[in-house]
Protein backbone atom coordinates (compact mmCIF):
# COMPACT_ATOMS: atom_id res chain seq x y z
CA MET A 1 50.60 -10.45 -8.84
CA THR A 2 53.37 -8.09 -9.84
CA GLU A 3 52.66 -3.69 -10.90
CA GLU A 4 54.47 -4.85 -14.59
CA ALA A 5 52.32 -7.65 -14.20
CA VAL A 6 49.20 -4.89 -13.94
CA ARG A 7 50.20 -2.39 -15.23
CA LYS A 8 48.18 -0.83 -18.42
CA PRO A 9 49.82 -0.47 -21.75
CA ALA A 10 50.70 2.58 -22.94
CA ARG A 11 48.17 4.45 -25.46
CA VAL A 12 49.70 5.93 -27.67
CA VAL A 13 48.05 8.45 -30.52
CA VAL A 14 50.58 8.86 -34.03
CA ALA A 15 50.99 11.75 -35.48
CA ASP A 16 52.93 12.13 -39.13
CA ASP A 17 51.89 13.89 -42.44
CA GLN A 18 53.76 10.87 -44.22
CA THR A 19 51.36 7.93 -45.08
CA VAL A 20 54.10 5.26 -45.74
CA VAL A 21 55.77 6.86 -42.51
CA ARG A 22 52.74 7.15 -40.34
CA GLU A 23 52.39 3.40 -41.23
CA GLY A 24 55.50 2.37 -40.82
CA ILE A 25 55.51 3.67 -37.07
CA VAL A 26 52.13 2.18 -36.40
CA MET A 27 53.17 -1.02 -37.66
CA LEU A 28 56.72 -1.18 -35.25
CA LEU A 29 55.00 0.16 -32.14
CA GLY A 30 51.93 -2.95 -32.74
CA LEU A 31 55.30 -5.08 -31.87
CA LEU A 32 56.63 -3.61 -28.76
CA PRO A 33 55.63 -4.24 -25.58
CA GLY A 34 53.36 -1.83 -23.36
CA ILE A 35 52.19 0.38 -26.17
CA GLU A 36 48.79 0.39 -27.79
CA VAL A 37 48.48 2.38 -30.24
CA VAL A 38 44.88 3.89 -30.52
CA GLY A 39 44.64 6.62 -33.13
CA ALA A 40 46.90 8.43 -36.25
CA ALA A 41 46.88 11.46 -37.61
CA ALA A 42 48.58 13.39 -40.77
CA ASP A 43 48.76 16.46 -39.13
CA GLY A 44 49.03 18.69 -35.98
CA ASP A 45 45.02 19.85 -36.41
CA GLU A 46 43.87 16.06 -36.29
CA ALA A 47 46.40 15.38 -33.33
CA VAL A 48 44.80 17.69 -31.65
CA ARG A 49 41.51 16.29 -32.50
CA LEU A 50 41.96 12.66 -31.39
CA VAL A 51 43.92 13.54 -27.98
CA ALA A 52 40.49 15.24 -27.01
CA GLU A 53 38.70 12.21 -28.49
CA LEU A 54 40.34 9.73 -27.03
CA ALA A 55 42.67 11.37 -24.28
CA PRO A 56 46.16 9.71 -25.21
CA ASP A 57 48.53 8.70 -22.89
CA VAL A 58 51.69 10.25 -25.37
CA VAL A 59 51.29 11.40 -28.70
CA LEU A 60 54.12 10.57 -31.33
CA MET A 61 54.63 13.73 -32.85
CA ASP A 62 56.53 14.36 -36.34
CA LEU A 63 57.22 18.04 -36.31
CA ARG A 64 57.54 19.29 -40.15
CA MET A 65 53.46 18.62 -41.46
CA PRO A 66 50.87 20.59 -42.92
CA ARG A 67 48.12 22.95 -41.60
CA CYS A 68 49.46 23.34 -38.15
CA ASP A 69 53.04 22.00 -37.82
CA GLY A 70 54.14 20.09 -34.29
CA VAL A 71 55.59 22.60 -31.96
CA GLU A 72 52.08 24.31 -32.36
CA ALA A 73 50.19 21.19 -31.76
CA THR A 74 52.36 20.00 -28.94
CA ARG A 75 51.39 23.60 -27.22
CA ARG A 76 47.78 23.69 -28.15
CA ILE A 77 47.96 19.55 -26.62
CA ARG A 78 49.81 20.16 -23.34
CA ALA A 79 48.03 24.18 -22.99
CA GLU A 80 44.85 22.19 -23.46
CA TYR A 81 44.84 18.71 -22.71
CA PRO A 82 48.03 18.54 -19.97
CA GLY A 83 47.59 14.86 -19.17
CA THR A 84 48.55 13.46 -22.51
CA GLN A 85 52.80 14.04 -23.23
CA VAL A 86 54.66 15.29 -26.26
CA VAL A 87 57.35 12.55 -27.65
CA VAL A 88 58.17 14.51 -31.23
CA LEU A 89 60.02 11.57 -33.45
CA THR A 90 61.24 13.80 -36.26
CA THR A 91 64.59 13.41 -38.68
CA PHE A 92 65.51 16.98 -37.51
CA ALA A 93 68.00 17.01 -34.53
CA ASP A 94 68.97 20.70 -35.19
CA ASP A 95 68.40 23.15 -32.94
CA ALA A 96 65.82 24.94 -34.82
CA SER A 97 63.70 22.41 -34.53
CA LEU A 98 64.49 21.38 -30.73
CA PHE A 99 64.63 23.86 -29.05
CA PRO A 100 61.30 25.32 -30.32
CA ALA A 101 59.86 21.79 -29.49
CA LEU A 102 61.07 21.76 -26.03
CA HIS A 103 59.70 25.19 -25.21
CA ALA A 104 56.03 23.97 -26.96
CA GLY A 105 55.78 21.41 -24.25
CA ALA A 106 57.26 18.55 -25.73
CA ARG A 107 58.59 16.25 -22.71
CA GLY A 108 60.86 13.68 -25.56
CA TYR A 109 62.93 14.30 -28.23
CA LEU A 110 64.06 11.46 -30.57
CA THR A 111 64.84 11.10 -34.09
CA LYS A 112 63.35 8.46 -36.58
CA ASP A 113 66.53 6.47 -36.63
CA ALA A 114 65.68 5.59 -32.94
CA GLY A 115 65.43 1.64 -32.34
CA GLY A 116 61.81 0.23 -30.82
CA ASP A 117 63.75 -0.39 -27.68
CA GLU A 118 64.15 3.66 -27.06
CA ILE A 119 60.78 4.00 -28.27
CA VAL A 120 59.29 2.11 -25.18
CA ARG A 121 62.16 3.71 -23.05
CA ALA A 122 61.34 7.25 -23.99
CA VAL A 123 57.14 6.92 -23.72
CA GLU A 124 57.97 5.21 -19.82
CA SER A 125 60.48 7.86 -19.49
CA VAL A 126 57.82 10.81 -20.54
CA LEU A 127 54.89 8.82 -18.75
CA SER A 128 56.76 8.51 -15.29
CA GLY A 129 57.51 12.33 -15.24
CA ASP A 130 61.31 12.27 -17.00
CA ALA A 131 62.43 13.13 -20.09
CA GLY A 132 62.24 10.95 -23.07
CA LEU A 133 65.25 12.06 -24.74
CA SER A 134 68.12 9.74 -27.07
CA PRO A 135 71.46 10.28 -26.12
CA SER A 136 72.01 12.87 -29.47
CA ILE A 137 69.88 15.10 -27.79
CA GLN A 138 70.78 15.24 -24.39
CA ARG A 139 74.40 15.54 -25.83
CA ARG A 140 73.61 18.63 -28.02
CA LEU A 141 71.21 19.88 -25.00
CA LEU A 142 75.03 20.02 -22.56
CA GLU A 143 76.19 21.17 -25.66
CA ARG A 144 74.00 24.91 -25.75
CA LEU A 145 74.43 24.77 -22.13
CA SER A 146 77.97 24.80 -22.16
CA GLU A 147 78.12 27.48 -25.52
CA PRO A 148 79.25 31.29 -23.42
CA GLU A 149 76.72 33.66 -24.34
CA PRO A 150 77.89 35.97 -27.37
CA LEU A 151 79.22 39.18 -26.52
CA PRO A 152 76.48 42.24 -27.41
CA SER A 153 77.71 43.51 -31.11
CA SER A 154 78.06 46.95 -31.83
CA GLU A 155 77.02 46.53 -35.51
CA PRO A 156 73.60 46.30 -36.08
CA ALA A 157 72.23 42.64 -37.09
CA GLU A 158 71.77 42.03 -41.28
CA PRO A 159 67.00 41.16 -40.99
CA PRO A 160 66.46 37.30 -41.33
CA ASP A 161 65.06 35.70 -44.23
CA GLY A 162 65.30 39.16 -46.67
CA LEU A 163 62.84 41.52 -44.39
CA THR A 164 63.05 44.55 -44.49
CA THR A 165 64.13 46.86 -42.34
CA ARG A 166 60.44 48.07 -41.41
CA GLU A 167 59.12 44.36 -41.58
CA THR A 168 61.61 43.62 -38.45
CA GLU A 169 60.16 46.29 -36.33
CA VAL A 170 57.28 45.32 -36.88
CA LEU A 171 58.00 42.10 -36.02
CA VAL A 172 59.89 43.08 -32.98
CA LEU A 173 56.56 44.74 -31.75
CA ILE A 174 54.74 42.11 -32.39
CA ALA A 175 57.09 39.87 -29.76
CA ASP A 176 56.33 42.16 -27.51
CA GLY A 177 53.25 41.88 -27.19
CA LEU A 178 51.37 45.34 -29.47
CA SER A 179 48.46 44.47 -31.33
CA ASN A 180 47.86 45.80 -35.07
CA GLN A 181 46.77 49.08 -33.37
CA GLU A 182 48.84 49.40 -31.37
CA ILE A 183 51.86 49.16 -33.54
CA ALA A 184 50.09 51.39 -36.19
CA ARG A 185 50.53 54.06 -33.07
CA GLU A 186 53.77 53.47 -32.11
CA LEU A 187 55.22 53.82 -35.96
CA HIS A 188 52.75 56.06 -36.70
CA VAL A 189 51.28 53.87 -39.55
CA SER A 190 48.27 53.31 -40.77
CA THR A 191 46.68 50.09 -40.02
CA ALA A 192 46.97 48.85 -42.98
CA THR A 193 50.05 49.37 -43.21
CA VAL A 194 50.76 47.30 -40.17
CA LYS A 195 48.75 44.15 -41.62
CA THR A 196 50.56 44.76 -45.12
CA HIS A 197 53.72 44.53 -43.34
CA ILE A 198 52.29 41.74 -41.31
CA ASN A 199 51.92 39.59 -44.70
CA ASN A 200 54.90 40.52 -46.48
CA LEU A 201 56.93 39.00 -43.29
CA PHE A 202 54.93 36.26 -43.11
CA ALA A 203 54.96 35.24 -46.66
CA LYS A 204 58.88 35.86 -46.23
CA THR A 205 59.09 33.39 -43.04
CA GLY A 206 56.68 31.22 -43.82
CA LEU A 207 55.02 31.81 -40.30
CA LYS A 208 51.70 31.30 -40.10
CA ASP A 209 50.51 33.26 -36.90
CA ARG A 210 51.85 35.54 -34.47
CA ALA A 211 52.58 33.03 -31.60
CA GLN A 212 54.57 31.51 -34.17
CA ALA A 213 56.11 34.93 -35.18
CA VAL A 214 56.93 35.55 -31.45
CA ARG A 215 59.21 32.23 -31.37
CA TYR A 216 61.20 33.33 -34.57
CA ALA A 217 61.64 36.40 -32.81
CA TYR A 218 63.23 35.07 -29.90
CA GLY A 219 65.13 32.52 -32.23
CA LYS A 220 66.37 34.74 -34.44
CA GLY A 221 67.71 37.07 -31.80
CA LEU A 222 65.91 40.32 -32.24
CA VAL A 223 64.24 40.12 -28.99
CA ARG A 224 65.69 38.62 -25.70
CA PRO A 225 63.54 37.50 -22.18
CA PRO A 226 63.70 39.93 -19.33
CA ALA A 227 66.56 39.91 -17.21
CA GLY A 228 65.41 38.49 -13.75
C-alpha cells in the first residue's frame, strides 16, 4: 500500500465570523481530497477553544473577527498548541494584515479568491514544514525584502491615528516593556493619568491589549528592534 493511500486526511478547523462565508468554506473543504473539517469557529476565542478540544492539524484563520482577531488567536494557538499549524484565509493582502499574521506564527497565507487546489496545497505544505503562501503573497514578500530601508528623518514623525504626543510617548514605553507604574515614574505623572492615556490611545487605534499595542508601535515605526 502506498504512502498516499494510508495518509490520514488533514483535520481542519475553520475560523470566520461571517456565517455565510464560514459555511461556504466548510462546504468547499468537504469536497476536497485529504481534508476533514472537524470544527468551525465564529471568532478567535472560539478557534482557540476548539484547538484545545480537538487538536486539529490546521486552522484556516480569518483575520478580522470580533472579540479576538485572527492575529491574536494565531499567536495564542502557536504558543499554547504548537502541534496545530495556522493558514490565514482572508480578504486582505495588505502589509498591515500580512506581516503581523506571519509574525504571530502563521505558516500559510491565502486570500479568499484561492481555489480548492490552492487551499489543499497550502495545508499540505504547512504540515510538511514548508510555507503555504499564495503566489501573490510570495511576490509581496519578495518586493518587501527588496525595498531599501528608509533613511532616518531629521523631522519628528507625526503621531499616527490622531494620538497626542503624550499618548505616543506612553505607547512607546509600553512597547519598551514598562509597566504602568514604571511609565508613571518615567513621565513624572500619576498611575491614574497613565491609565487614562492608555484608554485614550486604545480607543483611537482600536487596540485591545498591550500585545497589540507593541505590534502597533513596531508597525508604525515608532520603535525599532534592537540592532544585532
